[in-house]
Amino acid sequence: MPGAFVFFAAALVLVKFGTPVLDVVRYSAYLVLGVTLPGTLVWRAARGNFDGFVADLTFGTALGLIGSILAYLPARTVGAPLAGLAAPMVVVAAFVAVPSLAPHWRSQGPVLPRWWSWGVGLTCLLGLAVVTRFGLALEPMKFPAAAYQYVDMPFHLALAGELKHHFPAEIPYVAGEPLYYHWFVHAQAAASNYF
């Protein structure tokens, strides 16, 4: 329940500051079905299903993000970036089809106390309030108010765009210079851009 409350609060903030509702829904579906679900299933199968729901989701999402990049980059290399979307479907299909993997659909770890769950939820809401007040409210996302954006934003968008359209990637503003860093978040932005 606290997680759902935080999710809907974040979605409301995004919509209030100009993100189309359909974009919030599409990215949420990608995150839940294409990243968190397959990552959590693989995490439980690899680690053992005893950590508990929250740990499974946390580490499963991290594993899913890594998996989405590792599926996207080879697909981008051969010029078929949407083929990377098959990887989470294959993982979920395997956990549906193989009977020995069925126990990984439900957490078998300890249940955390409600006070802990609500404490984490309230902490997340506080973080959301800080980001909203000192980020979104001061640096709007839409023009004309966004005419004076964070100075590094064009750089980050250029790196994500480069990884969306080319692999191996190059530094977008230096022809022929390979991109050796800024891989994780920019590659994830490129991989998730198709939603």
N, C-alpha and C. Protein backbone atom coordinates (compact mmCIF):
# COMPACT_ATOMS: atom_id res chain seq x y z
N MET A 1 0.82 -1.20 0.00
CA MET A 1 0.00 0.00 0.00
C MET A 1 0.86 1.27 0.00
N PRO A 2 1.91 1.38 0.84
CA PRO A 2 2.73 2.60 0.80
C PRO A 2 3.40 2.80 -0.56
N GLY A 3 3.84 1.69 -1.18
CA GLY A 3 4.48 1.80 -2.49
C GLY A 3 3.52 2.34 -3.54
N ALA A 4 2.28 1.86 -3.51
CA ALA A 4 1.28 2.35 -4.46
C ALA A 4 0.98 3.82 -4.22
N PHE A 5 0.94 4.21 -2.97
CA PHE A 5 0.69 5.62 -2.62
C PHE A 5 1.81 6.51 -3.16
N VAL A 6 3.06 6.08 -2.99
CA VAL A 6 4.20 6.86 -3.50
C VAL A 6 4.16 6.91 -5.02
N PHE A 7 3.85 5.78 -5.66
CA PHE A 7 3.77 5.76 -7.12
C PHE A 7 2.74 6.77 -7.63
N PHE A 8 1.54 6.75 -7.06
CA PHE A 8 0.49 7.66 -7.54
C PHE A 8 0.83 9.12 -7.22
N ALA A 9 1.50 9.37 -6.11
CA ALA A 9 1.94 10.74 -5.81
C ALA A 9 2.96 11.21 -6.85
N ALA A 10 3.91 10.34 -7.19
CA ALA A 10 4.91 10.70 -8.20
C ALA A 10 4.26 10.91 -9.56
N ALA A 11 3.29 10.06 -9.90
CA ALA A 11 2.59 10.21 -11.18
C ALA A 11 1.83 11.53 -11.22
N LEU A 12 1.19 11.90 -10.13
CA LEU A 12 0.48 13.18 -10.08
C LEU A 12 1.43 14.36 -10.24
N VAL A 13 2.59 14.29 -9.61
CA VAL A 13 3.58 15.36 -9.75
C VAL A 13 4.03 15.47 -11.20
N LEU A 14 4.33 14.34 -11.83
CA LEU A 14 4.76 14.37 -13.23
C LEU A 14 3.70 14.98 -14.13
N VAL A 15 2.45 14.59 -13.93
CA VAL A 15 1.36 15.12 -14.74
C VAL A 15 1.18 16.61 -14.47
N LYS A 16 1.27 17.01 -13.21
CA LYS A 16 1.12 18.43 -12.86
C LYS A 16 2.18 19.29 -13.55
N PHE A 17 3.37 18.74 -13.71
CA PHE A 17 4.45 19.51 -14.33
C PHE A 17 4.61 19.23 -15.81
N GLY A 18 3.57 18.69 -16.45
CA GLY A 18 3.55 18.65 -17.90
C GLY A 18 3.82 17.32 -18.57
N THR A 19 4.04 16.25 -17.84
CA THR A 19 4.24 14.95 -18.49
C THR A 19 2.88 14.40 -18.89
N PRO A 20 2.71 14.04 -20.15
CA PRO A 20 1.41 13.48 -20.56
C PRO A 20 1.10 12.19 -19.80
N VAL A 21 -0.17 12.01 -19.46
CA VAL A 21 -0.61 10.84 -18.69
C VAL A 21 -0.22 9.55 -19.42
N LEU A 22 -0.38 9.52 -20.74
CA LEU A 22 -0.04 8.32 -21.50
C LEU A 22 1.44 7.98 -21.36
N ASP A 23 2.31 8.97 -21.31
CA ASP A 23 3.74 8.71 -21.13
C ASP A 23 4.02 8.12 -19.75
N VAL A 24 3.34 8.61 -18.73
CA VAL A 24 3.50 8.05 -17.38
C VAL A 24 3.04 6.60 -17.37
N VAL A 25 1.92 6.31 -18.00
CA VAL A 25 1.39 4.94 -18.03
C VAL A 25 2.32 4.03 -18.82
N ARG A 26 2.78 4.49 -19.98
CA ARG A 26 3.66 3.64 -20.81
C ARG A 26 4.97 3.36 -20.11
N TYR A 27 5.59 4.37 -19.51
CA TYR A 27 6.87 4.13 -18.84
C TYR A 27 6.67 3.26 -17.60
N SER A 28 5.57 3.45 -16.89
CA SER A 28 5.29 2.61 -15.72
C SER A 28 5.13 1.16 -16.13
N ALA A 29 4.43 0.92 -17.24
CA ALA A 29 4.27 -0.45 -17.73
C ALA A 29 5.61 -1.05 -18.12
N TYR A 30 6.44 -0.26 -18.79
CA TYR A 30 7.78 -0.74 -19.14
C TYR A 30 8.59 -1.07 -17.89
N LEU A 31 8.55 -0.19 -16.92
CA LEU A 31 9.33 -0.41 -15.70
C LEU A 31 8.86 -1.65 -14.95
N VAL A 32 7.55 -1.81 -14.81
CA VAL A 32 7.02 -2.94 -14.05
C VAL A 32 7.15 -4.26 -14.82
N LEU A 33 6.71 -4.26 -16.09
CA LEU A 33 6.65 -5.51 -16.86
C LEU A 33 7.95 -5.85 -17.58
N GLY A 34 8.69 -4.83 -17.98
CA GLY A 34 9.90 -5.08 -18.77
C GLY A 34 11.19 -5.02 -17.98
N VAL A 35 11.14 -4.48 -16.76
CA VAL A 35 12.36 -4.35 -15.96
C VAL A 35 12.20 -5.07 -14.62
N THR A 36 11.26 -4.61 -13.79
CA THR A 36 11.15 -5.13 -12.43
C THR A 36 10.70 -6.59 -12.39
N LEU A 37 9.67 -6.95 -13.14
CA LEU A 37 9.18 -8.33 -13.10
C LEU A 37 10.24 -9.34 -13.54
N PRO A 38 10.82 -9.20 -14.74
CA PRO A 38 11.83 -10.20 -15.12
C PRO A 38 13.07 -10.15 -14.23
N GLY A 39 13.47 -8.96 -13.82
CA GLY A 39 14.63 -8.85 -12.94
C GLY A 39 14.40 -9.51 -11.60
N THR A 40 13.21 -9.35 -11.04
CA THR A 40 12.88 -9.96 -9.75
C THR A 40 12.83 -11.48 -9.86
N LEU A 41 12.26 -11.97 -10.94
CA LEU A 41 12.20 -13.42 -11.13
C LEU A 41 13.60 -14.01 -11.24
N VAL A 42 14.46 -13.37 -12.02
CA VAL A 42 15.84 -13.86 -12.17
C VAL A 42 16.58 -13.73 -10.84
N TRP A 43 16.37 -12.62 -10.11
CA TRP A 43 17.02 -12.44 -8.81
C TRP A 43 16.64 -13.57 -7.85
N ARG A 44 15.36 -13.86 -7.78
CA ARG A 44 14.91 -14.92 -6.87
C ARG A 44 15.46 -16.28 -7.27
N ALA A 45 15.53 -16.53 -8.57
CA ALA A 45 16.05 -17.82 -9.04
C ALA A 45 17.55 -17.94 -8.77
N ALA A 46 18.28 -16.86 -8.94
CA ALA A 46 19.73 -16.89 -8.77
C ALA A 46 20.15 -16.85 -7.31
N ARG A 47 19.47 -16.04 -6.52
CA ARG A 47 19.88 -15.81 -5.13
C ARG A 47 19.21 -16.76 -4.16
N GLY A 48 18.05 -17.19 -4.52
CA GLY A 48 17.24 -17.94 -3.57
C GLY A 48 16.12 -17.04 -3.10
N ASN A 49 14.97 -17.59 -2.96
CA ASN A 49 13.78 -16.80 -2.67
C ASN A 49 13.57 -16.69 -1.16
N PHE A 50 14.45 -15.96 -0.50
CA PHE A 50 14.31 -15.86 0.96
C PHE A 50 14.58 -14.47 1.50
N ASP A 51 14.87 -13.50 0.64
CA ASP A 51 15.20 -12.16 1.11
C ASP A 51 13.99 -11.33 1.52
N GLY A 52 12.85 -11.61 0.95
CA GLY A 52 11.65 -10.82 1.23
C GLY A 52 11.29 -9.95 0.05
N PHE A 53 10.04 -9.54 0.02
CA PHE A 53 9.46 -8.82 -1.11
C PHE A 53 10.21 -7.53 -1.46
N VAL A 54 10.50 -6.72 -0.46
CA VAL A 54 11.13 -5.41 -0.72
C VAL A 54 12.54 -5.59 -1.29
N ALA A 55 13.32 -6.47 -0.69
CA ALA A 55 14.67 -6.72 -1.20
C ALA A 55 14.61 -7.32 -2.60
N ASP A 56 13.66 -8.23 -2.82
CA ASP A 56 13.52 -8.83 -4.15
C ASP A 56 13.22 -7.76 -5.21
N LEU A 57 12.29 -6.86 -4.90
CA LEU A 57 11.95 -5.81 -5.86
C LEU A 57 13.12 -4.86 -6.09
N THR A 58 13.83 -4.52 -5.02
CA THR A 58 14.94 -3.58 -5.14
C THR A 58 16.05 -4.16 -6.01
N PHE A 59 16.54 -5.34 -5.62
CA PHE A 59 17.63 -5.95 -6.38
C PHE A 59 17.16 -6.46 -7.73
N GLY A 60 15.91 -6.89 -7.80
CA GLY A 60 15.36 -7.33 -9.08
C GLY A 60 15.25 -6.19 -10.08
N THR A 61 14.86 -5.01 -9.61
CA THR A 61 14.79 -3.86 -10.50
C THR A 61 16.19 -3.48 -10.99
N ALA A 62 17.16 -3.48 -10.09
CA ALA A 62 18.53 -3.17 -10.50
C ALA A 62 19.01 -4.19 -11.54
N LEU A 63 18.75 -5.46 -11.29
CA LEU A 63 19.15 -6.51 -12.24
C LEU A 63 18.40 -6.35 -13.56
N GLY A 64 17.12 -5.98 -13.48
CA GLY A 64 16.34 -5.75 -14.69
C GLY A 64 16.86 -4.58 -15.51
N LEU A 65 17.30 -3.52 -14.84
CA LEU A 65 17.88 -2.38 -15.57
C LEU A 65 19.16 -2.79 -16.29
N ILE A 66 20.00 -3.55 -15.62
CA ILE A 66 21.22 -4.04 -16.25
C ILE A 66 20.87 -4.95 -17.42
N GLY A 67 19.91 -5.84 -17.21
CA GLY A 67 19.48 -6.74 -18.28
C GLY A 67 18.91 -6.01 -19.48
N SER A 68 18.16 -4.94 -19.23
CA SER A 68 17.59 -4.19 -20.36
C SER A 68 18.68 -3.54 -21.20
N ILE A 69 19.73 -3.07 -20.55
CA ILE A 69 20.85 -2.49 -21.30
C ILE A 69 21.60 -3.58 -22.06
N LEU A 70 21.86 -4.71 -21.40
CA LEU A 70 22.59 -5.79 -22.05
C LEU A 70 21.80 -6.41 -23.21
N ALA A 71 20.49 -6.32 -23.17
CA ALA A 71 19.67 -6.79 -24.29
C ALA A 71 19.59 -5.73 -25.39
N TYR A 72 19.54 -4.47 -24.99
CA TYR A 72 19.39 -3.38 -25.96
C TYR A 72 20.64 -3.17 -26.81
N LEU A 73 21.81 -3.17 -26.20
CA LEU A 73 23.03 -2.80 -26.94
C LEU A 73 23.34 -3.74 -28.11
N PRO A 74 23.27 -5.06 -27.94
CA PRO A 74 23.48 -5.91 -29.13
C PRO A 74 22.40 -5.70 -30.19
N ALA A 75 21.16 -5.50 -29.75
CA ALA A 75 20.07 -5.26 -30.70
C ALA A 75 20.32 -3.96 -31.46
N ARG A 76 20.80 -2.93 -30.76
CA ARG A 76 21.13 -1.66 -31.41
C ARG A 76 22.27 -1.84 -32.39
N THR A 77 23.24 -2.70 -32.04
CA THR A 77 24.40 -2.95 -32.89
C THR A 77 23.99 -3.51 -34.24
N VAL A 78 23.02 -4.41 -34.24
CA VAL A 78 22.59 -5.01 -35.51
C VAL A 78 21.48 -4.20 -36.18
N GLY A 79 21.14 -3.06 -35.63
CA GLY A 79 20.16 -2.18 -36.26
C GLY A 79 18.72 -2.53 -35.98
N ALA A 80 18.47 -3.33 -34.95
CA ALA A 80 17.10 -3.72 -34.59
C ALA A 80 16.88 -3.46 -33.10
N PRO A 81 16.85 -2.18 -32.69
CA PRO A 81 16.79 -1.89 -31.25
C PRO A 81 15.56 -2.45 -30.55
N LEU A 82 14.46 -2.60 -31.26
CA LEU A 82 13.26 -3.15 -30.63
C LEU A 82 13.40 -4.64 -30.32
N ALA A 83 14.36 -5.31 -30.92
CA ALA A 83 14.59 -6.72 -30.62
C ALA A 83 15.02 -6.92 -29.17
N GLY A 84 15.61 -5.89 -28.57
CA GLY A 84 16.00 -5.98 -27.16
C GLY A 84 14.81 -6.14 -26.23
N LEU A 85 13.62 -5.79 -26.71
CA LEU A 85 12.42 -5.94 -25.89
C LEU A 85 12.00 -7.40 -25.75
N ALA A 86 12.57 -8.27 -26.57
CA ALA A 86 12.22 -9.69 -26.48
C ALA A 86 12.79 -10.33 -25.22
N ALA A 87 13.90 -9.81 -24.72
CA ALA A 87 14.56 -10.44 -23.56
C ALA A 87 13.65 -10.54 -22.34
N PRO A 88 12.97 -9.45 -21.91
CA PRO A 88 12.09 -9.63 -20.75
C PRO A 88 10.93 -10.58 -21.02
N MET A 89 10.44 -10.60 -22.26
CA MET A 89 9.35 -11.52 -22.59
C MET A 89 9.82 -12.98 -22.51
N VAL A 90 11.05 -13.23 -22.96
CA VAL A 90 11.61 -14.58 -22.89
C VAL A 90 11.77 -15.01 -21.43
N VAL A 91 12.25 -14.10 -20.59
CA VAL A 91 12.42 -14.42 -19.17
C VAL A 91 11.08 -14.77 -18.53
N VAL A 92 10.08 -13.93 -18.73
CA VAL A 92 8.76 -14.17 -18.13
C VAL A 92 8.16 -15.46 -18.69
N ALA A 93 8.31 -15.69 -20.00
CA ALA A 93 7.78 -16.93 -20.60
C ALA A 93 8.45 -18.16 -19.99
N ALA A 94 9.75 -18.07 -19.74
CA ALA A 94 10.46 -19.20 -19.13
C ALA A 94 9.93 -19.49 -17.73
N PHE A 95 9.65 -18.44 -16.97
CA PHE A 95 9.14 -18.65 -15.61
C PHE A 95 7.68 -19.12 -15.61
N VAL A 96 6.97 -18.89 -16.70
CA VAL A 96 5.61 -19.43 -16.84
C VAL A 96 5.66 -20.89 -17.29
N ALA A 97 6.57 -21.20 -18.22
CA ALA A 97 6.59 -22.52 -18.85
C ALA A 97 7.31 -23.60 -18.03
N VAL A 98 8.31 -23.21 -17.26
CA VAL A 98 9.11 -24.20 -16.54
C VAL A 98 8.55 -24.37 -15.12
N PRO A 99 8.01 -25.54 -14.82
CA PRO A 99 7.38 -25.75 -13.50
C PRO A 99 8.31 -25.54 -12.31
N SER A 100 9.58 -25.86 -12.46
CA SER A 100 10.50 -25.70 -11.33
C SER A 100 10.77 -24.24 -10.99
N LEU A 101 10.41 -23.32 -11.91
CA LEU A 101 10.59 -21.89 -11.65
C LEU A 101 9.35 -21.24 -11.04
N ALA A 102 8.25 -21.96 -10.99
CA ALA A 102 6.99 -21.41 -10.49
C ALA A 102 7.07 -20.83 -9.07
N PRO A 103 7.83 -21.42 -8.14
CA PRO A 103 7.86 -20.85 -6.79
C PRO A 103 8.44 -19.43 -6.72
N HIS A 104 9.11 -19.00 -7.77
CA HIS A 104 9.73 -17.67 -7.74
C HIS A 104 8.74 -16.54 -8.01
N TRP A 105 7.50 -16.87 -8.35
CA TRP A 105 6.49 -15.84 -8.58
C TRP A 105 6.03 -15.18 -7.28
N ARG A 106 6.17 -15.87 -6.17
CA ARG A 106 5.74 -15.32 -4.88
C ARG A 106 6.93 -15.24 -3.95
N SER A 107 6.98 -14.17 -3.18
CA SER A 107 8.05 -14.01 -2.20
C SER A 107 7.87 -15.02 -1.07
N GLN A 108 8.96 -15.66 -0.71
CA GLN A 108 8.91 -16.61 0.40
C GLN A 108 9.72 -16.11 1.59
N GLY A 109 10.16 -14.87 1.50
CA GLY A 109 10.94 -14.29 2.58
C GLY A 109 10.06 -13.69 3.66
N PRO A 110 10.69 -13.11 4.67
CA PRO A 110 9.92 -12.53 5.78
C PRO A 110 9.14 -11.29 5.34
N VAL A 111 8.02 -11.08 6.00
CA VAL A 111 7.19 -9.89 5.76
C VAL A 111 7.67 -8.80 6.71
N LEU A 112 7.88 -7.61 6.16
CA LEU A 112 8.34 -6.49 6.99
C LEU A 112 7.17 -5.88 7.76
N PRO A 113 7.44 -5.31 8.93
CA PRO A 113 6.36 -4.68 9.70
C PRO A 113 5.78 -3.47 8.97
N ARG A 114 4.52 -3.20 9.24
CA ARG A 114 3.84 -2.08 8.58
C ARG A 114 4.52 -0.75 8.89
N TRP A 115 5.00 -0.54 10.10
CA TRP A 115 5.63 0.73 10.45
C TRP A 115 6.84 0.97 9.56
N TRP A 116 7.57 -0.10 9.23
CA TRP A 116 8.75 0.05 8.38
C TRP A 116 8.32 0.45 6.97
N SER A 117 7.31 -0.22 6.44
CA SER A 117 6.83 0.08 5.08
C SER A 117 6.32 1.51 4.97
N TRP A 118 5.54 1.95 5.96
CA TRP A 118 5.03 3.31 5.92
C TRP A 118 6.15 4.32 6.16
N GLY A 119 7.12 3.96 6.97
CA GLY A 119 8.28 4.84 7.19
C GLY A 119 9.06 5.07 5.90
N VAL A 120 9.29 4.01 5.15
CA VAL A 120 9.99 4.14 3.87
C VAL A 120 9.13 4.94 2.89
N GLY A 121 7.82 4.66 2.88
CA GLY A 121 6.92 5.40 2.00
C GLY A 121 6.91 6.89 2.29
N LEU A 122 6.85 7.25 3.58
CA LEU A 122 6.86 8.67 3.95
C LEU A 122 8.20 9.32 3.61
N THR A 123 9.29 8.57 3.76
CA THR A 123 10.61 9.09 3.38
C THR A 123 10.67 9.36 1.88
N CYS A 124 10.10 8.44 1.10
CA CYS A 124 10.05 8.65 -0.35
C CYS A 124 9.20 9.87 -0.71
N LEU A 125 8.09 10.05 -0.01
CA LEU A 125 7.25 11.23 -0.26
C LEU A 125 7.99 12.52 0.10
N LEU A 126 8.77 12.49 1.16
CA LEU A 126 9.58 13.65 1.52
C LEU A 126 10.59 13.94 0.41
N GLY A 127 11.25 12.90 -0.09
CA GLY A 127 12.19 13.08 -1.20
C GLY A 127 11.49 13.64 -2.44
N LEU A 128 10.30 13.14 -2.72
CA LEU A 128 9.52 13.65 -3.85
C LEU A 128 9.18 15.12 -3.66
N ALA A 129 8.83 15.50 -2.44
CA ALA A 129 8.52 16.90 -2.15
C ALA A 129 9.74 17.79 -2.36
N VAL A 130 10.90 17.32 -1.94
CA VAL A 130 12.14 18.10 -2.11
C VAL A 130 12.45 18.26 -3.60
N VAL A 131 12.36 17.17 -4.36
CA VAL A 131 12.63 17.24 -5.81
C VAL A 131 11.64 18.18 -6.48
N THR A 132 10.39 18.10 -6.06
CA THR A 132 9.36 18.96 -6.65
C THR A 132 9.64 20.43 -6.34
N ARG A 133 9.90 20.73 -5.09
CA ARG A 133 10.09 22.12 -4.65
C ARG A 133 11.37 22.74 -5.17
N PHE A 134 12.48 21.98 -5.10
CA PHE A 134 13.77 22.56 -5.45
C PHE A 134 14.27 22.14 -6.82
N GLY A 135 13.50 21.33 -7.52
CA GLY A 135 13.88 20.92 -8.86
C GLY A 135 12.84 21.36 -9.87
N LEU A 136 11.72 20.66 -9.88
CA LEU A 136 10.70 20.91 -10.89
C LEU A 136 10.10 22.31 -10.80
N ALA A 137 9.90 22.80 -9.59
CA ALA A 137 9.29 24.13 -9.44
C ALA A 137 10.26 25.23 -9.87
N LEU A 138 11.56 25.00 -9.71
CA LEU A 138 12.55 26.02 -10.07
C LEU A 138 13.05 25.89 -11.50
N GLU A 139 13.05 24.67 -12.02
CA GLU A 139 13.51 24.43 -13.39
C GLU A 139 12.43 23.66 -14.14
N PRO A 140 11.44 24.37 -14.67
CA PRO A 140 10.32 23.73 -15.35
C PRO A 140 10.78 22.90 -16.55
N MET A 141 9.95 21.94 -16.94
CA MET A 141 10.29 21.07 -18.06
C MET A 141 9.74 21.56 -19.39
N LYS A 142 8.79 22.49 -19.36
CA LYS A 142 8.15 22.92 -20.61
C LYS A 142 8.51 24.36 -20.92
N PHE A 143 8.59 24.67 -22.20
CA PHE A 143 8.83 26.04 -22.65
C PHE A 143 7.55 26.84 -22.53
N PRO A 144 7.61 28.12 -22.38
CA PRO A 144 8.80 28.97 -22.41
C PRO A 144 9.53 29.05 -21.08
N ALA A 145 8.91 28.54 -20.01
CA ALA A 145 9.55 28.64 -18.70
C ALA A 145 10.86 27.86 -18.65
N ALA A 146 11.01 26.84 -19.49
CA ALA A 146 12.21 26.01 -19.47
C ALA A 146 13.31 26.55 -20.36
N ALA A 147 13.21 27.79 -20.76
CA ALA A 147 14.22 28.37 -21.65
C ALA A 147 15.60 28.39 -21.00
N TYR A 148 15.66 28.39 -19.68
CA TYR A 148 16.94 28.41 -18.98
C TYR A 148 17.09 27.11 -18.20
N GLN A 149 17.43 26.05 -18.92
CA GLN A 149 17.53 24.74 -18.31
C GLN A 149 18.87 24.55 -17.61
N TYR A 150 18.90 23.47 -16.85
CA TYR A 150 20.15 23.00 -16.24
C TYR A 150 21.20 22.89 -17.33
N VAL A 151 22.35 23.48 -17.11
CA VAL A 151 23.34 23.65 -18.16
C VAL A 151 23.85 22.33 -18.75
N ASP A 152 23.86 21.25 -18.00
CA ASP A 152 24.34 19.97 -18.51
C ASP A 152 23.27 19.14 -19.22
N MET A 153 22.02 19.59 -19.20
CA MET A 153 20.95 18.79 -19.78
C MET A 153 21.14 18.51 -21.27
N PRO A 154 21.53 19.48 -22.10
CA PRO A 154 21.75 19.15 -23.51
C PRO A 154 22.85 18.09 -23.70
N PHE A 155 23.88 18.13 -22.86
CA PHE A 155 24.95 17.13 -22.91
C PHE A 155 24.39 15.74 -22.63
N HIS A 156 23.60 15.60 -21.57
CA HIS A 156 23.04 14.30 -21.21
C HIS A 156 22.07 13.80 -22.28
N LEU A 157 21.26 14.68 -22.83
CA LEU A 157 20.34 14.29 -23.89
C LEU A 157 21.09 13.87 -25.14
N ALA A 158 22.19 14.54 -25.44
CA ALA A 158 23.00 14.17 -26.60
C ALA A 158 23.61 12.77 -26.43
N LEU A 159 24.08 12.46 -25.23
CA LEU A 159 24.64 11.13 -24.99
C LEU A 159 23.56 10.05 -25.11
N ALA A 160 22.39 10.30 -24.54
CA ALA A 160 21.29 9.33 -24.66
C ALA A 160 20.87 9.18 -26.12
N GLY A 161 20.81 10.29 -26.84
CA GLY A 161 20.47 10.23 -28.26
C GLY A 161 21.50 9.47 -29.07
N GLU A 162 22.76 9.66 -28.76
CA GLU A 162 23.82 8.92 -29.44
C GLU A 162 23.65 7.42 -29.21
N LEU A 163 23.40 7.02 -27.97
CA LEU A 163 23.23 5.61 -27.67
C LEU A 163 21.91 5.05 -28.22
N LYS A 164 20.96 5.92 -28.47
CA LYS A 164 19.72 5.47 -29.08
C LYS A 164 19.93 5.16 -30.56
N HIS A 165 20.79 5.92 -31.22
CA HIS A 165 20.91 5.81 -32.68
C HIS A 165 22.17 5.11 -33.17
N HIS A 166 23.18 4.93 -32.31
CA HIS A 166 24.43 4.33 -32.77
C HIS A 166 25.03 3.42 -31.71
N PHE A 167 25.64 2.34 -32.17
CA PHE A 167 26.48 1.53 -31.30
C PHE A 167 27.47 0.81 -32.17
N PRO A 168 28.75 0.88 -31.87
CA PRO A 168 29.36 1.53 -30.71
C PRO A 168 29.18 3.04 -30.78
N ALA A 169 29.00 3.62 -29.62
CA ALA A 169 28.68 5.05 -29.54
C ALA A 169 29.95 5.90 -29.62
N GLU A 170 29.74 7.10 -30.10
CA GLU A 170 30.81 8.10 -30.14
C GLU A 170 30.38 9.31 -29.34
N ILE A 171 31.35 10.12 -28.94
CA ILE A 171 31.01 11.38 -28.29
C ILE A 171 30.30 12.24 -29.34
N PRO A 172 29.08 12.68 -29.08
CA PRO A 172 28.27 13.32 -30.12
C PRO A 172 28.88 14.57 -30.74
N TYR A 173 29.73 15.26 -30.02
CA TYR A 173 30.25 16.52 -30.53
C TYR A 173 31.72 16.42 -30.96
N VAL A 174 32.28 15.19 -31.00
CA VAL A 174 33.64 14.98 -31.49
C VAL A 174 33.60 13.78 -32.43
N ALA A 175 33.60 14.02 -33.73
CA ALA A 175 33.47 12.95 -34.70
C ALA A 175 34.59 11.92 -34.56
N GLY A 176 34.21 10.66 -34.49
CA GLY A 176 35.17 9.58 -34.44
C GLY A 176 35.75 9.27 -33.07
N GLU A 177 35.37 10.02 -32.03
CA GLU A 177 35.89 9.79 -30.68
C GLU A 177 34.96 8.84 -29.94
N PRO A 178 35.44 7.64 -29.59
CA PRO A 178 34.57 6.67 -28.90
C PRO A 178 34.09 7.18 -27.54
N LEU A 179 32.89 6.75 -27.19
CA LEU A 179 32.31 7.11 -25.90
C LEU A 179 32.68 6.01 -24.91
N TYR A 180 33.55 6.32 -23.96
CA TYR A 180 34.04 5.32 -23.02
C TYR A 180 33.35 5.38 -21.66
N TYR A 181 32.56 6.38 -21.41
CA TYR A 181 31.96 6.53 -20.09
C TYR A 181 30.52 7.00 -20.25
N HIS A 182 29.84 7.27 -19.16
CA HIS A 182 28.42 7.68 -19.18
C HIS A 182 27.56 6.57 -19.80
N TRP A 183 27.80 5.34 -19.37
CA TRP A 183 27.10 4.26 -20.00
C TRP A 183 25.78 3.90 -19.35
N PHE A 184 25.71 3.87 -18.04
CA PHE A 184 24.54 3.25 -17.44
C PHE A 184 23.26 4.04 -17.64
N VAL A 185 23.18 5.24 -17.11
CA VAL A 185 21.91 5.97 -17.18
C VAL A 185 21.59 6.40 -18.61
N HIS A 186 22.59 6.72 -19.39
CA HIS A 186 22.33 7.16 -20.76
C HIS A 186 21.89 5.99 -21.64
N ALA A 187 22.52 4.83 -21.46
CA ALA A 187 22.10 3.64 -22.20
C ALA A 187 20.70 3.21 -21.78
N GLN A 188 20.38 3.34 -20.50
CA GLN A 188 19.03 3.01 -20.03
C GLN A 188 18.01 3.98 -20.62
N ALA A 189 18.34 5.25 -20.71
CA ALA A 189 17.44 6.22 -21.33
C ALA A 189 17.21 5.87 -22.79
N ALA A 190 18.27 5.44 -23.48
CA ALA A 190 18.13 5.04 -24.88
C ALA A 190 17.27 3.79 -25.00
N ALA A 191 17.51 2.80 -24.14
CA ALA A 191 16.76 1.54 -24.20
C ALA A 191 15.28 1.74 -23.89
N SER A 192 14.99 2.62 -22.95
CA SER A 192 13.60 2.82 -22.54
C SER A 192 12.87 3.84 -23.41
N ASN A 193 13.56 4.45 -24.35
CA ASN A 193 12.97 5.50 -25.17
C ASN A 193 11.91 5.00 -26.11
N TYR A 194 11.85 3.71 -26.31
CA TYR A 194 10.87 3.17 -27.28
C TYR A 194 9.49 3.00 -26.66
N PHE A 195 9.32 3.42 -25.42
CA PHE A 195 8.02 3.32 -24.78
C PHE A 195 7.41 4.66 -24.72
